[in-house]
Structures are given as C-alpha cells and as structure tokens.
C-alpha cells in the first residue's frame, strides 16, 4: 500500500510468484477495486491517489497519471526515467525524473497536462531526490541522498520555487529511542514518504542493527 487520500481511499500493488503486478484501490468500506487500466502494462506500479480517485505511478520507468474511470496518460514532459509518487486534491503531482545531466532530482507538476515543471534539488549530495508526497497547501516531502551516501528526509514549499527550481530543506534525522534487543543502535538512513493537510509527515528509518522503524514527524 503506497498512498492514501483524505477520504480514506488507498492505493497499492501486489506481485505474484510469477512476477506479475496487480494494482488496486482499497475503498473506505473495505472493498478492493482492481485498476484494470494499468494492469497488463509491464511493471506498472500505483504509488499515489487523491480524493477524486486519480492515481499516479510508474510503468517501465515512465511516470503516468490515471484519472478515475479514465485512460492512462504518460507524463511525457518529464522525459525518460521518471516516476510519479504522489498527488494532492488540487491535481498537483510530485516524483522523480532523470535530468539531461544524468542527475535524479525531484519534480513538481501543477497538473497532468502541465508542460513546465519545477525541479526539486537536494540540499546537498549528488542531487538524487525522491519527492514522495504533497498536501493541499503545496508542502512537499520526500528524501535525498546526502554526502554520506545515505537517505535523509527533506521538505519544501512549492510557492518558494524560484525560476522553476526549488531546493529542498533537510529534515532533522529521527532521534532513535531505546529499542529492546537493539542496544547501542545508531541512525543510518531515513525516508519521509507522506504528509497530510495538517503538515504531519510519516516515514521510516534504518539503524545500525539493520532494523527499520516507522516514525511521525510533526
């Protein structure tokens, strides 16, 4: 399960023993709807959904937008090597793409029909950014590869973009609480994966014992 909207509808995918992907929506009443429009497309993965039931994701390395009840639209303005990870109720879309220079910055698209995008750059490191979520206020969260080669959370407000570029603000790495069976565990990496309209973000971190733990950032 990769994304959830304000009305409780969620989206995700499964992979069977033969390697086949099945994308689906979980409705608030607990029933599941198969996304036939993208099943059958090689390696299609649904990552985000909004209240209207629109879905974004990636198929064979290209970001797509699937309007509720409609047909798949490739977000071709991003070029090759792209994935859409999140969208809000305004239809704004965020994700990652491969730049002409070979880096992997994040992106913000005002809508699925937009041509111009905002490039989301890392605050440091090799400029590899996964923009994972955006709320209805335009607050974006995700993670980037730091100078230490590990993932760290970031945040950015799209209204602060200048000249089509937004540099993410690093989020403080989670403080690791005492965990039974993991004495002396130290922080290794963290990924921030979603944010709601109250500005509360969620994600997970990995520690030196190779364990992973979820966290809430508020």
Protein backbone atom coordinates (compact mmCIF):
# COMPACT_ATOMS: atom_id res chain seq x y z
CA UNK A 1 0.00 0.00 0.00
CA UNK A 2 1.61 3.23 -1.17
CA UNK A 3 -0.84 6.10 -0.85
CA UNK A 4 -3.99 7.25 0.92
CA UNK A 5 -6.33 10.18 0.28
CA UNK A 6 -8.21 12.42 2.70
CA UNK A 7 -11.40 10.37 2.26
CA UNK A 8 -9.65 7.12 3.22
CA UNK A 9 -9.31 5.60 -0.25
CA UNK A 10 -5.90 3.95 -0.63
CA UNK A 11 -3.84 2.57 -3.48
CA UNK A 12 -1.13 -0.04 -3.91
CA UNK A 13 0.02 -3.07 -5.84
CA UNK A 14 0.95 -6.71 -5.36
CA UNK A 15 3.38 -9.03 -7.16
CA UNK A 16 2.61 -12.73 -7.55
CA UNK A 17 5.08 -15.63 -7.70
CA UNK A 18 5.33 -15.25 -11.48
CA UNK A 19 6.34 -11.60 -11.16
CA UNK A 20 3.03 -10.17 -12.38
CA UNK A 21 1.91 -6.82 -10.96
CA UNK A 22 -1.68 -6.22 -9.84
CA UNK A 23 -2.63 -2.64 -8.99
CA UNK A 24 -5.67 -1.93 -6.86
CA UNK A 25 -7.61 0.63 -4.85
CA UNK A 26 -8.86 -0.11 -1.35
CA UNK A 27 -12.16 1.70 -0.81
CA UNK A 28 -13.16 3.18 2.58
CA UNK A 29 -15.75 0.39 3.02
CA UNK A 30 -13.00 -2.23 2.86
CA UNK A 31 -13.65 -3.46 -0.69
CA UNK A 32 -10.96 -3.57 -3.35
CA UNK A 33 -11.12 -2.34 -6.95
CA UNK A 34 -8.63 -3.66 -9.48
CA UNK A 35 -7.08 -0.98 -11.70
CA UNK A 36 -7.57 -2.77 -14.99
CA UNK A 37 -6.49 0.32 -16.93
CA UNK A 38 -2.87 -0.18 -15.87
CA UNK A 39 -2.75 -3.90 -15.19
CA UNK A 40 -1.20 -5.53 -18.22
CA UNK A 41 1.22 -2.63 -18.68
CA UNK A 42 4.69 -4.05 -17.88
CA UNK A 43 5.92 -3.25 -14.38
CA UNK A 44 3.16 -0.73 -13.68
CA UNK A 45 3.13 0.38 -10.05
CA UNK A 46 0.49 2.64 -8.45
CA UNK A 47 2.06 4.97 -5.89
CA UNK A 48 -0.37 7.80 -5.09
CA UNK A 49 -4.08 8.64 -5.04
CA UNK A 50 -6.21 11.69 -4.26
CA UNK A 51 -9.78 12.16 -3.03
CA UNK A 52 -11.12 12.18 -6.60
CA UNK A 53 -9.65 8.71 -7.11
CA UNK A 54 -6.98 9.84 -9.57
CA UNK A 55 -3.85 7.68 -9.42
CA UNK A 56 -0.19 8.29 -10.26
CA UNK A 57 2.67 5.86 -10.59
CA UNK A 58 5.33 4.48 -12.87
CA UNK A 59 5.32 1.92 -15.67
CA UNK A 60 8.54 0.59 -17.17
CA UNK A 61 10.43 3.66 -16.00
CA UNK A 62 7.91 6.32 -17.10
CA UNK A 63 5.58 8.30 -14.84
CA UNK A 64 1.84 8.08 -15.51
CA UNK A 65 -1.43 9.68 -14.43
CA UNK A 66 -4.65 7.67 -14.34
CA UNK A 67 -7.83 9.75 -13.91
CA UNK A 68 -10.60 7.98 -12.04
CA UNK A 69 -12.50 5.95 -14.63
CA UNK A 70 -10.29 7.19 -17.46
CA UNK A 71 -7.30 6.10 -19.51
CA UNK A 72 -3.63 6.09 -18.59
CA UNK A 73 -1.75 9.26 -19.55
CA UNK A 74 2.03 9.18 -19.77
CA UNK A 75 3.70 12.23 -18.24
CA UNK A 76 5.99 12.57 -21.24
CA UNK A 77 7.14 16.11 -20.40
CA UNK A 78 9.45 14.52 -17.85
CA UNK A 79 11.50 12.72 -20.49
CA UNK A 80 12.84 9.25 -19.75
CA UNK A 81 13.41 7.67 -16.39
CA UNK A 82 10.57 9.11 -14.30
CA UNK A 83 8.19 8.06 -11.54
CA UNK A 84 5.22 9.91 -10.02
CA UNK A 85 4.91 9.16 -6.31
CA UNK A 86 2.22 11.48 -5.00
CA UNK A 87 -0.56 13.93 -5.84
CA UNK A 88 -2.96 16.11 -3.89
CA UNK A 89 -6.61 17.05 -4.29
CA UNK A 90 -5.59 20.02 -6.47
CA UNK A 91 -4.11 17.63 -9.04
CA UNK A 92 -0.51 18.65 -8.30
CA UNK A 93 1.93 15.78 -8.90
CA UNK A 94 5.38 15.07 -7.43
CA UNK A 95 8.02 12.48 -8.17
CA UNK A 96 11.49 11.95 -9.59
CA UNK A 97 13.00 12.16 -13.09
CA UNK A 98 16.32 11.81 -14.85
CA UNK A 99 17.76 15.19 -15.84
CA UNK A 100 19.71 15.91 -19.02
CA UNK A 101 22.83 15.93 -16.86
CA UNK A 102 22.16 12.46 -15.53
CA UNK A 103 21.14 13.50 -12.01
CA UNK A 104 17.90 12.35 -10.36
CA UNK A 105 16.13 15.42 -8.98
CA UNK A 106 12.54 15.54 -7.83
CA UNK A 107 9.77 17.29 -9.74
CA UNK A 108 6.52 19.16 -9.18
CA UNK A 109 3.88 19.35 -11.91
CA UNK A 110 0.88 21.68 -11.42
CA UNK A 111 -1.31 19.12 -13.23
CA UNK A 112 -1.15 16.11 -15.52
CA UNK A 113 -1.50 18.42 -18.55
CA UNK A 114 1.25 20.83 -17.48
CA UNK A 115 4.29 21.23 -19.70
CA UNK A 116 6.51 23.26 -17.35
CA UNK A 117 7.73 21.56 -14.19
CA UNK A 118 9.50 22.69 -11.05
CA UNK A 119 12.77 20.86 -10.45
CA UNK A 120 13.34 19.89 -6.81
CA UNK A 121 17.03 19.80 -5.97
CA UNK A 122 18.75 18.20 -2.98
CA UNK A 123 20.16 20.48 -0.27
CA UNK A 124 23.48 18.63 -0.62
CA UNK A 125 24.99 15.48 -2.07
CA UNK A 126 24.67 14.04 -5.59
CA UNK A 127 21.24 15.62 -6.29
CA UNK A 128 19.17 12.46 -6.07
CA UNK A 129 15.70 13.39 -4.76
CA UNK A 130 12.51 11.37 -4.33
CA UNK A 131 9.59 13.78 -3.91
CA UNK A 132 7.07 11.43 -2.31
CA UNK A 133 4.08 13.46 -1.15
CA UNK A 134 2.38 16.84 -1.41
CA UNK A 135 -0.50 18.21 0.64
CA UNK A 136 -3.18 20.66 -0.45
CA UNK A 137 -1.08 23.59 0.78
CA UNK A 138 1.76 22.73 -1.61
CA UNK A 139 4.05 21.36 1.09
CA UNK A 140 6.26 18.63 -0.39
CA UNK A 141 8.10 15.88 1.46
CA UNK A 142 10.49 13.19 0.36
CA UNK A 143 14.10 12.18 0.77
CA UNK A 144 17.50 12.75 -0.83
CA UNK A 145 20.92 11.10 -0.91
CA UNK A 146 23.28 13.04 1.33
CA UNK A 147 27.03 13.49 1.16
CA UNK A 148 27.32 10.39 3.36
CA UNK A 149 25.62 8.28 0.67
CA UNK A 150 22.56 7.64 2.87
CA UNK A 151 18.94 8.77 2.51
CA UNK A 152 17.66 11.68 4.60
CA UNK A 153 14.27 13.39 4.76
CA UNK A 154 13.55 16.72 3.12
CA UNK A 155 10.70 19.19 2.84
CA UNK A 156 9.89 22.12 0.54
CA UNK A 157 7.08 24.58 -0.13
CA UNK A 158 6.39 24.83 -3.86
CA UNK A 159 5.47 28.53 -3.58
CA UNK A 160 9.14 29.15 -2.64
CA UNK A 161 10.39 27.93 -6.04
CA UNK A 162 12.43 30.47 -7.98
CA UNK A 163 12.89 30.26 -11.74
CA UNK A 164 11.40 26.79 -11.88
CA UNK A 165 13.73 25.42 -9.20
CA UNK A 166 13.12 24.52 -5.56
CA UNK A 167 15.90 23.43 -3.23
CA UNK A 168 14.66 21.11 -0.51
CA UNK A 169 15.18 21.82 3.16
CA UNK A 170 16.73 18.91 5.09
CA UNK A 171 14.67 17.47 7.92
CA UNK A 172 16.36 16.52 11.17
CA UNK A 173 17.17 12.81 11.32
CA UNK A 174 14.92 10.93 13.76
CA UNK A 175 16.20 10.51 17.30
CA UNK A 176 16.46 6.79 17.95
CA UNK A 177 14.67 5.76 21.15
CA UNK A 178 15.80 2.74 23.20
CA UNK A 179 14.59 -0.38 21.43
CA UNK A 180 14.52 -3.76 23.24
CA UNK A 181 17.06 -6.14 21.75
CA UNK A 182 18.94 -3.35 19.94
CA UNK A 183 21.34 -1.87 22.49
CA UNK A 184 23.56 0.88 21.12
CA UNK A 185 21.70 1.14 17.81
CA UNK A 186 22.67 4.22 15.80
CA UNK A 187 20.95 6.03 12.95
CA UNK A 188 21.77 5.04 9.34
CA UNK A 189 19.10 6.44 6.99
CA UNK A 190 15.55 7.79 6.85
CA UNK A 191 12.87 8.27 4.21
CA UNK A 192 9.86 10.60 4.54
CA UNK A 193 7.02 9.18 2.44
CA UNK A 194 3.83 11.16 3.09
CA UNK A 195 2.29 14.32 4.53
CA UNK A 196 -1.26 15.35 5.41
CA UNK A 197 -3.01 18.71 5.34
CA UNK A 198 -2.02 19.35 8.97
CA UNK A 199 1.64 19.24 7.98
CA UNK A 200 2.29 15.95 9.79
CA UNK A 201 4.68 13.69 7.88
CA UNK A 202 5.43 9.98 8.19
CA UNK A 203 8.24 7.69 7.12
CA UNK A 204 10.72 5.15 8.39
CA UNK A 205 14.37 4.94 9.38
CA UNK A 206 17.01 2.25 9.44
CA UNK A 207 19.51 1.71 12.24
CA UNK A 208 22.89 0.04 12.62
CA UNK A 209 21.29 -3.28 13.58
CA UNK A 210 19.61 -3.36 10.12
CA UNK A 211 16.19 -2.92 11.76
CA UNK A 212 13.70 -0.44 10.30
CA UNK A 213 11.14 1.56 12.28
CA UNK A 214 8.31 3.91 11.32
CA UNK A 215 8.13 7.46 12.64
CA UNK A 216 5.86 10.51 12.65
CA UNK A 217 7.37 13.95 12.04
CA UNK A 218 5.31 16.89 13.30
